[in-house]
């Protein structure tokens, strides 16, 4: 097993065992697992998701086709990218 895989496995084991903290994680932890969100950020995420649910439901009522399947996938993707933007560490630069 390579050192990289071994290190990843050990990290996951520690995380699952509740041993994960700011002193034993990789520098990219926040990019991978997110960060603690404030109330305004949680509200923004919920707003995005709420808007998307309405749009998704409207598309779903149109029927079934390859095009509508792609449309629903793109809605899911848009939610993912928008919420990822909110969750990532902020650069003040």
PDB file of N, CA and C in Angstrom:
ATOM      1  N   UNK A   1       0.855  -1.179   0.000  1.00  0.00           N
ATOM      2  CA  UNK A   1       0.000   0.000   0.000  1.00  0.00           C
ATOM      3  C   UNK A   1       0.895   1.234   0.000  1.00  0.00           C
ATOM      4  N   UNK A   2       0.561   2.198  -0.854  1.00  0.00           N
ATOM      5  CA  UNK A   2       1.401   3.394  -0.933  1.00  0.00           C
ATOM      6  C   UNK A   2       1.237   4.244   0.323  1.00  0.00           C
ATOM      7  N   UNK A   3       2.218   5.110   0.564  1.00  0.00           N
ATOM      8  CA  UNK A   3       2.161   5.995   1.727  1.00  0.00           C
ATOM      9  C   UNK A   3       0.943   6.906   1.669  1.00  0.00           C
ATOM     10  N   UNK A   4       0.594   7.377   0.457  1.00  0.00           N
ATOM     11  CA  UNK A   4      -0.542   8.279   0.301  1.00  0.00           C
ATOM     12  C   UNK A   4      -1.850   7.580   0.676  1.00  0.00           C
ATOM     13  N   UNK A   5      -2.034   6.357   0.205  1.00  0.00           N
ATOM     14  CA  UNK A   5      -3.255   5.610   0.523  1.00  0.00           C
ATOM     15  C   UNK A   5      -3.282   5.273   2.001  1.00  0.00           C
ATOM     16  N   UNK A   6      -2.146   4.874   2.533  1.00  0.00           N
ATOM     17  CA  UNK A   6      -2.052   4.552   3.946  1.00  0.00           C
ATOM     18  C   UNK A   6      -2.397   5.766   4.804  1.00  0.00           C
ATOM     19  N   UNK A   7      -1.876   6.934   4.427  1.00  0.00           N
ATOM     20  CA  UNK A   7      -2.158   8.167   5.153  1.00  0.00           C
ATOM     21  C   UNK A   7      -3.645   8.512   5.083  1.00  0.00           C
ATOM     22  N   UNK A   8      -4.233   8.365   3.905  1.00  0.00           N
ATOM     23  CA  UNK A   8      -5.665   8.640   3.731  1.00  0.00           C
ATOM     24  C   UNK A   8      -6.499   7.708   4.605  1.00  0.00           C
ATOM     25  N   UNK A   9      -6.155   6.415   4.586  1.00  0.00           N
ATOM     26  CA  UNK A   9      -6.889   5.437   5.383  1.00  0.00           C
ATOM     27  C   UNK A   9      -6.789   5.770   6.874  1.00  0.00           C
ATOM     28  N   UNK A  10      -5.613   6.150   7.325  1.00  0.00           N
ATOM     29  CA  UNK A  10      -5.429   6.508   8.734  1.00  0.00           C
ATOM     30  C   UNK A  10      -6.248   7.751   9.094  1.00  0.00           C
ATOM     31  N   UNK A  11      -6.261   8.731   8.201  1.00  0.00           N
ATOM     32  CA  UNK A  11      -7.041   9.945   8.432  1.00  0.00           C
ATOM     33  C   UNK A  11      -8.520   9.618   8.548  1.00  0.00           C
ATOM     34  N   UNK A  12      -9.019   8.788   7.642  1.00  0.00           N
ATOM     35  CA  UNK A  12     -10.435   8.417   7.679  1.00  0.00           C
ATOM     36  C   UNK A  12     -10.764   7.655   8.961  1.00  0.00           C
ATOM     37  N   UNK A  13      -9.877   6.783   9.363  1.00  0.00           N
ATOM     38  CA  UNK A  13     -10.075   6.029  10.603  1.00  0.00           C
ATOM     39  C   UNK A  13     -10.176   6.979  11.796  1.00  0.00           C
ATOM     40  N   UNK A  14      -9.249   7.958  11.863  1.00  0.00           N
ATOM     41  CA  UNK A  14      -9.290   8.926  12.970  1.00  0.00           C
ATOM     42  C   UNK A  14     -10.565   9.750  12.934  1.00  0.00           C
ATOM     43  N   UNK A  15     -10.978  10.148  11.721  1.00  0.00           N
ATOM     44  CA  UNK A  15     -12.194  10.959  11.596  1.00  0.00           C
ATOM     45  C   UNK A  15     -13.405  10.172  12.086  1.00  0.00           C
ATOM     46  N   UNK A  16     -13.510   8.923  11.672  1.00  0.00           N
ATOM     47  CA  UNK A  16     -14.639   8.092  12.078  1.00  0.00           C
ATOM     48  C   UNK A  16     -14.629   7.787  13.570  1.00  0.00           C
ATOM     49  N   UNK A  17     -13.462   7.744  14.162  1.00  0.00           N
ATOM     50  CA  UNK A  17     -13.347   7.481  15.597  1.00  0.00           C
ATOM     51  C   UNK A  17     -13.481   8.741  16.443  1.00  0.00           C
ATOM     52  N   UNK A  18     -13.756   9.875  15.808  1.00  0.00           N
ATOM     53  CA  UNK A  18     -13.917  11.115  16.549  1.00  0.00           C
ATOM     54  C   UNK A  18     -12.612  11.744  16.990  1.00  0.00           C
ATOM     55  N   UNK A  19     -11.510  11.348  16.399  1.00  0.00           N
ATOM     56  CA  UNK A  19     -10.206  11.866  16.775  1.00  0.00           C
ATOM     57  C   UNK A  19      -9.745  12.986  15.853  1.00  0.00           C
ATOM     58  N   UNK A  20     -10.617  13.506  15.056  1.00  0.00           N
ATOM     59  CA  UNK A  20     -10.268  14.510  14.040  1.00  0.00           C
ATOM     60  C   UNK A  20     -10.371  15.894  14.667  1.00  0.00           C
ATOM     61  N   UNK A  21      -9.323  16.664  14.601  1.00  0.00           N
ATOM     62  CA  UNK A  21      -9.391  18.045  15.072  1.00  0.00           C
ATOM     63  C   UNK A  21      -8.413  18.896  14.287  1.00  0.00           C
ATOM     64  N   UNK A  22      -8.330  20.170  14.623  1.00  0.00           N
ATOM     65  CA  UNK A  22      -7.501  21.083  13.842  1.00  0.00           C
ATOM     66  C   UNK A  22      -6.008  20.768  13.938  1.00  0.00           C
ATOM     67  N   UNK A  23      -5.601  19.913  14.860  1.00  0.00           N
ATOM     68  CA  UNK A  23      -4.185  19.608  15.028  1.00  0.00           C
ATOM     69  C   UNK A  23      -3.739  18.364  14.269  1.00  0.00           C
ATOM     70  N   UNK A  24      -4.659  17.594  13.733  1.00  0.00           N
ATOM     71  CA  UNK A  24      -4.250  16.361  13.050  1.00  0.00           C
ATOM     72  C   UNK A  24      -4.954  16.197  11.705  1.00  0.00           C
ATOM     73  N   UNK A  25      -5.066  17.275  10.960  1.00  0.00           N
ATOM     74  CA  UNK A  25      -5.687  17.180   9.643  1.00  0.00           C
ATOM     75  C   UNK A  25      -4.777  17.765   8.571  1.00  0.00           C
ATOM     76  N   UNK A  26      -5.138  17.474   7.338  1.00  0.00           N
ATOM     77  CA  UNK A  26      -4.351  17.996   6.220  1.00  0.00           C
ATOM     78  C   UNK A  26      -4.670  19.475   6.030  1.00  0.00           C
ATOM     79  N   UNK A  27      -3.805  20.222   5.340  1.00  0.00           N
ATOM     80  CA  UNK A  27      -4.049  21.650   5.123  1.00  0.00           C
ATOM     81  C   UNK A  27      -5.289  21.927   4.283  1.00  0.00           C
ATOM     82  N   UNK A  28      -5.759  20.938   3.539  1.00  0.00           N
ATOM     83  CA  UNK A  28      -6.924  21.136   2.682  1.00  0.00           C
ATOM     84  C   UNK A  28      -8.215  20.650   3.315  1.00  0.00           C
ATOM     85  N   UNK A  29      -8.220  20.426   4.609  1.00  0.00           N
ATOM     86  CA  UNK A  29      -9.388  19.878   5.295  1.00  0.00           C
ATOM     87  C   UNK A  29     -10.655  20.670   5.006  1.00  0.00           C
ATOM     88  N   UNK A  30     -10.601  22.000   5.103  1.00  0.00           N
ATOM     89  CA  UNK A  30     -11.803  22.806   4.895  1.00  0.00           C
ATOM     90  C   UNK A  30     -12.334  22.664   3.473  1.00  0.00           C
ATOM     91  N   UNK A  31     -11.461  22.499   2.509  1.00  0.00           N
ATOM     92  CA  UNK A  31     -11.907  22.317   1.117  1.00  0.00           C
ATOM     93  C   UNK A  31     -12.590  20.969   0.936  1.00  0.00           C
ATOM     94  N   UNK A  32     -12.191  19.986   1.715  1.00  0.00           N
ATOM     95  CA  UNK A  32     -12.755  18.640   1.584  1.00  0.00           C
ATOM     96  C   UNK A  32     -14.025  18.496   2.410  1.00  0.00           C
ATOM     97  N   UNK A  33     -13.977  18.883   3.662  1.00  0.00           N
ATOM     98  CA  UNK A  33     -15.077  18.638   4.580  1.00  0.00           C
ATOM     99  C   UNK A  33     -15.936  19.860   4.860  1.00  0.00           C
ATOM    100  N   UNK A  34     -15.573  21.015   4.326  1.00  0.00           N
ATOM    101  CA  UNK A  34     -16.317  22.227   4.623  1.00  0.00           C
ATOM    102  C   UNK A  34     -15.840  22.842   5.920  1.00  0.00           C
ATOM    103  N   UNK A  35     -16.587  23.793   6.394  1.00  0.00           N
ATOM    104  CA  UNK A  35     -16.215  24.489   7.628  1.00  0.00           C
ATOM    105  C   UNK A  35     -17.488  24.790   8.397  1.00  0.00           C
ATOM    106  N   UNK A  36     -17.324  25.295   9.616  1.00  0.00           N
ATOM    107  CA  UNK A  36     -18.472  25.671  10.429  1.00  0.00           C
ATOM    108  C   UNK A  36     -19.137  26.879   9.771  1.00  0.00           C
ATOM    109  N   UNK A  37     -20.422  26.775   9.481  1.00  0.00           N
ATOM    110  CA  UNK A  37     -21.139  27.858   8.807  1.00  0.00           C
ATOM    111  C   UNK A  37     -21.878  28.727   9.804  1.00  0.00           C
ATOM    112  N   UNK A  38     -21.981  30.011   9.468  1.00  0.00           N
ATOM    113  CA  UNK A  38     -22.766  30.933  10.274  1.00  0.00           C
ATOM    114  C   UNK A  38     -24.240  30.851   9.905  1.00  0.00           C
ATOM    115  N   UNK A  39     -25.074  31.482  10.705  1.00  0.00           N
ATOM    116  CA  UNK A  39     -26.515  31.442  10.477  1.00  0.00           C
ATOM    117  C   UNK A  39     -26.898  32.040   9.129  1.00  0.00           C
ATOM    118  N   UNK A  40     -26.226  33.118   8.720  1.00  0.00           N
ATOM    119  CA  UNK A  40     -26.540  33.734   7.428  1.00  0.00           C
ATOM    120  C   UNK A  40     -26.152  32.830   6.262  1.00  0.00           C
ATOM    121  N   UNK A  41     -25.073  32.080   6.414  1.00  0.00           N
ATOM    122  CA  UNK A  41     -24.649  31.153   5.368  1.00  0.00           C
ATOM    123  C   UNK A  41     -25.601  29.963   5.263  1.00  0.00           C
ATOM    124  N   UNK A  42     -26.038  29.470   6.401  1.00  0.00           N
ATOM    125  CA  UNK A  42     -27.016  28.377   6.409  1.00  0.00           C
ATOM    126  C   UNK A  42     -28.319  28.842   5.766  1.00  0.00           C
ATOM    127  N   UNK A  43     -28.735  30.051   6.072  1.00  0.00           N
ATOM    128  CA  UNK A  43     -29.954  30.605   5.468  1.00  0.00           C
ATOM    129  C   UNK A  43     -29.801  30.736   3.956  1.00  0.00           C
ATOM    130  N   UNK A  44     -28.629  31.174   3.503  1.00  0.00           N
ATOM    131  CA  UNK A  44     -28.381  31.298   2.062  1.00  0.00           C
ATOM    132  C   UNK A  44     -28.444  29.929   1.383  1.00  0.00           C
ATOM    133  N   UNK A  45     -27.856  28.921   2.002  1.00  0.00           N
ATOM    134  CA  UNK A  45     -27.919  27.568   1.446  1.00  0.00           C
ATOM    135  C   UNK A  45     -29.353  27.063   1.377  1.00  0.00           C
ATOM    136  N   UNK A  46     -30.103  27.259   2.445  1.00  0.00           N
ATOM    137  CA  UNK A  46     -31.493  26.812   2.465  1.00  0.00           C
ATOM    138  C   UNK A  46     -32.324  27.542   1.421  1.00  0.00           C
ATOM    139  N   UNK A  47     -32.037  28.826   1.198  1.00  0.00           N
ATOM    140  CA  UNK A  47     -32.739  29.600   0.178  1.00  0.00           C
ATOM    141  C   UNK A  47     -32.461  29.027  -1.212  1.00  0.00           C
ATOM    142  N   UNK A  48     -31.189  28.763  -1.517  1.00  0.00           N
ATOM    143  CA  UNK A  48     -30.800  28.180  -2.804  1.00  0.00           C
ATOM    144  C   UNK A  48     -31.516  26.844  -3.002  1.00  0.00           C
ATOM    145  N   UNK A  49     -31.471  26.000  -1.991  1.00  0.00           N
ATOM    146  CA  UNK A  49     -32.092  24.679  -2.099  1.00  0.00           C
ATOM    147  C   UNK A  49     -33.604  24.787  -2.252  1.00  0.00           C
ATOM    148  N   UNK A  50     -34.220  25.735  -1.548  1.00  0.00           N
ATOM    149  CA  UNK A  50     -35.664  25.924  -1.666  1.00  0.00           C
ATOM    150  C   UNK A  50     -36.076  26.366  -3.062  1.00  0.00           C
ATOM    151  N   UNK A  51     -35.323  27.292  -3.636  1.00  0.00           N
ATOM    152  CA  UNK A  51     -35.598  27.734  -5.005  1.00  0.00           C
ATOM    153  C   UNK A  51     -35.439  26.578  -5.982  1.00  0.00           C
ATOM    154  N   UNK A  52     -34.418  25.772  -5.774  1.00  0.00           N
ATOM    155  CA  UNK A  52     -34.145  24.656  -6.672  1.00  0.00           C
ATOM    156  C   UNK A  52     -35.242  23.598  -6.603  1.00  0.00           C
ATOM    157  N   UNK A  53     -35.791  23.368  -5.420  1.00  0.00           N
ATOM    158  CA  UNK A  53     -36.861  22.373  -5.282  1.00  0.00           C
ATOM    159  C   UNK A  53     -38.052  22.761  -6.146  1.00  0.00           C
ATOM    160  N   UNK A  54     -38.440  24.035  -6.108  1.00  0.00           N
ATOM    161  CA  UNK A  54     -39.552  24.486  -6.934  1.00  0.00           C
ATOM    162  C   UNK A  54     -39.280  24.318  -8.417  1.00  0.00           C
ATOM    163  N   UNK A  55     -38.076  24.664  -8.845  1.00  0.00           N
ATOM    164  CA  UNK A  55     -37.692  24.533 -10.246  1.00  0.00           C
ATOM    165  C   UNK A  55     -37.662  23.057 -10.653  1.00  0.00           C
ATOM    166  N   UNK A  56     -37.071  22.224  -9.791  1.00  0.00           N
ATOM    167  CA  UNK A  56     -36.981  20.791 -10.058  1.00  0.00           C
ATOM    168  C   UNK A  56     -38.378  20.193 -10.202  1.00  0.00           C
ATOM    169  N   UNK A  57     -39.292  20.548  -9.292  1.00  0.00           N
ATOM    170  CA  UNK A  57     -40.664  20.036  -9.356  1.00  0.00           C
ATOM    171  C   UNK A  57     -41.358  20.468 -10.642  1.00  0.00           C
ATOM    172  N   UNK A  58     -41.145  21.714 -11.065  1.00  0.00           N
ATOM    173  CA  UNK A  58     -41.756  22.204 -12.306  1.00  0.00           C
ATOM    174  C   UNK A  58     -41.234  21.422 -13.511  1.00  0.00           C
ATOM    175  N   UNK A  59     -39.948  21.147 -13.535  1.00  0.00           N
ATOM    176  CA  UNK A  59     -39.368  20.367 -14.632  1.00  0.00           C
ATOM    177  C   UNK A  59     -39.905  18.942 -14.605  1.00  0.00           C
ATOM    178  N   UNK A  60     -40.013  18.363 -13.422  1.00  0.00           N
ATOM    179  CA  UNK A  60     -40.493  16.991 -13.284  1.00  0.00           C
ATOM    180  C   UNK A  60     -41.931  16.845 -13.788  1.00  0.00           C
ATOM    181  N   UNK A  61     -42.744  17.871 -13.616  1.00  0.00           N
ATOM    182  CA  UNK A  61     -44.153  17.829 -14.062  1.00  0.00           C
ATOM    183  C   UNK A  61     -44.288  17.859 -15.582  1.00  0.00           C
ATOM    184  N   UNK A  62     -43.211  18.191 -16.288  1.00  0.00           N
ATOM    185  CA  UNK A  62     -43.258  18.262 -17.746  1.00  0.00           C
ATOM    186  C   UNK A  62     -43.267  16.881 -18.392  1.00  0.00           C
ATOM    187  N   UNK A  63     -42.921  15.855 -17.643  1.00  0.00           N
ATOM    188  CA  UNK A  63     -42.910  14.510 -18.198  1.00  0.00           C
ATOM    189  C   UNK A  63     -41.542  13.882 -18.078  1.00  0.00           C
ATOM    190  N   UNK A  64     -41.251  12.989 -19.037  1.00  0.00           N
ATOM    191  CA  UNK A  64     -39.983  12.268 -19.012  1.00  0.00           C
ATOM    192  C   UNK A  64     -39.356  12.283 -20.399  1.00  0.00           C
ATOM    193  N   UNK A  65     -38.097  12.629 -20.444  1.00  0.00           N
ATOM    194  CA  UNK A  65     -37.324  12.587 -21.685  1.00  0.00           C
ATOM    195  C   UNK A  65     -35.853  12.684 -21.316  1.00  0.00           C
ATOM    196  N   UNK A  66     -35.022  12.410 -22.255  1.00  0.00           N
ATOM    197  CA  UNK A  66     -33.586  12.549 -22.041  1.00  0.00           C
ATOM    198  C   UNK A  66     -33.244  13.992 -21.692  1.00  0.00           C
ATOM    199  N   UNK A  67     -33.882  14.931 -22.393  1.00  0.00           N
ATOM    200  CA  UNK A  67     -33.617  16.356 -22.156  1.00  0.00           C
ATOM    201  C   UNK A  67     -34.004  16.774 -20.742  1.00  0.00           C
ATOM    202  N   UNK A  68     -35.138  16.262 -20.267  1.00  0.00           N
ATOM    203  CA  UNK A  68     -35.558  16.609 -18.906  1.00  0.00           C
ATOM    204  C   UNK A  68     -34.657  15.947 -17.862  1.00  0.00           C
ATOM    205  N   UNK A  69     -34.168  14.760 -18.151  1.00  0.00           N
ATOM    206  CA  UNK A  69     -33.211  14.120 -17.244  1.00  0.00           C
ATOM    207  C   UNK A  69     -31.939  14.954 -17.127  1.00  0.00           C
ATOM    208  N   UNK A  70     -31.474  15.456 -18.273  1.00  0.00           N
ATOM    209  CA  UNK A  70     -30.288  16.323 -18.259  1.00  0.00           C
ATOM    210  C   UNK A  70     -30.592  17.599 -17.487  1.00  0.00           C
ATOM    211  N   UNK A  71     -31.778  18.168 -17.708  1.00  0.00           N
ATOM    212  CA  UNK A  71     -32.154  19.397 -17.000  1.00  0.00           C
ATOM    213  C   UNK A  71     -32.147  19.181 -15.490  1.00  0.00           C
ATOM    214  N   UNK A  72     -32.700  18.068 -15.023  1.00  0.00           N
ATOM    215  CA  UNK A  72     -32.725  17.787 -13.579  1.00  0.00           C
ATOM    216  C   UNK A  72     -31.311  17.584 -13.033  1.00  0.00           C
ATOM    217  N   UNK A  73     -30.465  16.924 -13.810  1.00  0.00           N
ATOM    218  CA  UNK A  73     -29.071  16.748 -13.390  1.00  0.00           C
ATOM    219  C   UNK A  73     -28.370  18.092 -13.272  1.00  0.00           C
ATOM    220  N   UNK A  74     -28.637  18.985 -14.206  1.00  0.00           N
ATOM    221  CA  UNK A  74     -27.999  20.307 -14.175  1.00  0.00           C
ATOM    222  C   UNK A  74     -28.512  21.143 -13.001  1.00  0.00           C
ATOM    223  N   UNK A  75     -29.775  20.966 -12.639  1.00  0.00           N
ATOM    224  CA  UNK A  75     -30.292  21.657 -11.451  1.00  0.00           C
ATOM    225  C   UNK A  75     -29.535  21.175 -10.218  1.00  0.00           C
ATOM    226  N   UNK A  76     -29.377  19.862 -10.097  1.00  0.00           N
ATOM    227  CA  UNK A  76     -28.620  19.298  -8.973  1.00  0.00           C
ATOM    228  C   UNK A  76     -27.184  19.820  -8.961  1.00  0.00           C
ATOM    229  N   UNK A  77     -26.585  19.908 -10.143  1.00  0.00           N
ATOM    230  CA  UNK A  77     -25.221  20.405 -10.241  1.00  0.00           C
ATOM    231  C   UNK A  77     -25.138  21.874  -9.824  1.00  0.00           C
ATOM    232  N   UNK A  78     -26.108  22.661 -10.247  1.00  0.00           N
ATOM    233  CA  UNK A  78     -26.126  24.083  -9.876  1.00  0.00           C
ATOM    234  C   UNK A  78     -26.222  24.252  -8.360  1.00  0.00           C
ATOM    235  N   UNK A  79     -27.045  23.439  -7.719  1.00  0.00           N
ATOM    236  CA  UNK A  79     -27.164  23.481  -6.256  1.00  0.00           C
ATOM    237  C   UNK A  79     -25.811  23.147  -5.625  1.00  0.00           C
ATOM    238  N   UNK A  80     -25.177  22.098  -6.144  1.00  0.00           N
ATOM    239  CA  UNK A  80     -23.887  21.685  -5.597  1.00  0.00           C
ATOM    240  C   UNK A  80     -22.868  22.821  -5.667  1.00  0.00           C
ATOM    241  N   UNK A  81     -22.744  23.451  -6.842  1.00  0.00           N
ATOM    242  CA  UNK A  81     -21.736  24.506  -6.994  1.00  0.00           C
ATOM    243  C   UNK A  81     -22.073  25.739  -6.161  1.00  0.00           C
ATOM    244  N   UNK A  82     -23.337  26.110  -6.113  1.00  0.00           N
ATOM    245  CA  UNK A  82     -23.718  27.296  -5.336  1.00  0.00           C
ATOM    246  C   UNK A  82     -23.478  27.079  -3.840  1.00  0.00           C
ATOM    247  N   UNK A  83     -23.857  25.902  -3.329  1.00  0.00           N
ATOM    248  CA  UNK A  83     -23.651  25.651  -1.904  1.00  0.00           C
ATOM    249  C   UNK A  83     -22.174  25.437  -1.582  1.00  0.00           C
ATOM    250  N   UNK A  84     -21.425  24.886  -2.531  1.00  0.00           N
ATOM    251  CA  UNK A  84     -19.984  24.744  -2.313  1.00  0.00           C
ATOM    252  C   UNK A  84     -19.341  26.121  -2.178  1.00  0.00           C
ATOM    253  N   UNK A  85     -19.772  27.058  -3.011  1.00  0.00           N
ATOM    254  CA  UNK A  85     -19.253  28.427  -2.913  1.00  0.00           C
ATOM    255  C   UNK A  85     -19.482  28.994  -1.515  1.00  0.00           C
ATOM    256  N   UNK A  86     -20.659  28.751  -0.969  1.00  0.00           N
ATOM    257  CA  UNK A  86     -20.993  29.274   0.359  1.00  0.00           C
ATOM    258  C   UNK A  86     -20.133  28.593   1.423  1.00  0.00           C
ATOM    259  N   UNK A  87     -19.914  27.290   1.288  1.00  0.00           N
ATOM    260  CA  UNK A  87     -19.235  26.503   2.334  1.00  0.00           C
ATOM    261  C   UNK A  87     -17.720  26.636   2.333  1.00  0.00           C
ATOM    262  N   UNK A  88     -17.126  26.991   1.192  1.00  0.00           N
ATOM    263  CA  UNK A  88     -15.662  27.055   1.131  1.00  0.00           C
ATOM    264  C   UNK A  88     -15.108  28.197   1.976  1.00  0.00           C
ATOM    265  N   UNK A  89     -13.870  28.056   2.425  1.00  0.00           N
ATOM    266  CA  UNK A  89     -13.229  29.141   3.166  1.00  0.00           C
ATOM    267  C   UNK A  89     -13.210  30.410   2.298  1.00  0.00           C
ATOM    268  N   UNK A  90     -13.394  31.532   2.932  1.00  0.00           N
ATOM    269  CA  UNK A  90     -13.417  32.799   2.206  1.00  0.00           C
ATOM    270  C   UNK A  90     -12.010  33.356   2.075  1.00  0.00           C
ATOM    271  N   UNK A  91     -11.689  33.800   0.874  1.00  0.00           N
ATOM    272  CA  UNK A  91     -10.418  34.487   0.643  1.00  0.00           C
ATOM    273  C   UNK A  91     -10.682  35.970   0.712  1.00  0.00           C
ATOM    274  N   UNK A  92      -9.966  36.659   1.538  1.00  0.00           N
ATOM    275  CA  UNK A  92     -10.136  38.104   1.667  1.00  0.00           C
ATOM    276  C   UNK A  92      -9.123  38.826   0.792  1.00  0.00           C
ATOM    277  N   UNK A  93      -8.851  38.281  -0.394  1.00  0.00           N
ATOM    278  CA  UNK A  93      -7.833  38.870  -1.238  1.00  0.00           C
ATOM    279  C   UNK A  93      -8.318  39.188  -2.535  1.00  0.00           C
TER     280      UNK A  93
END
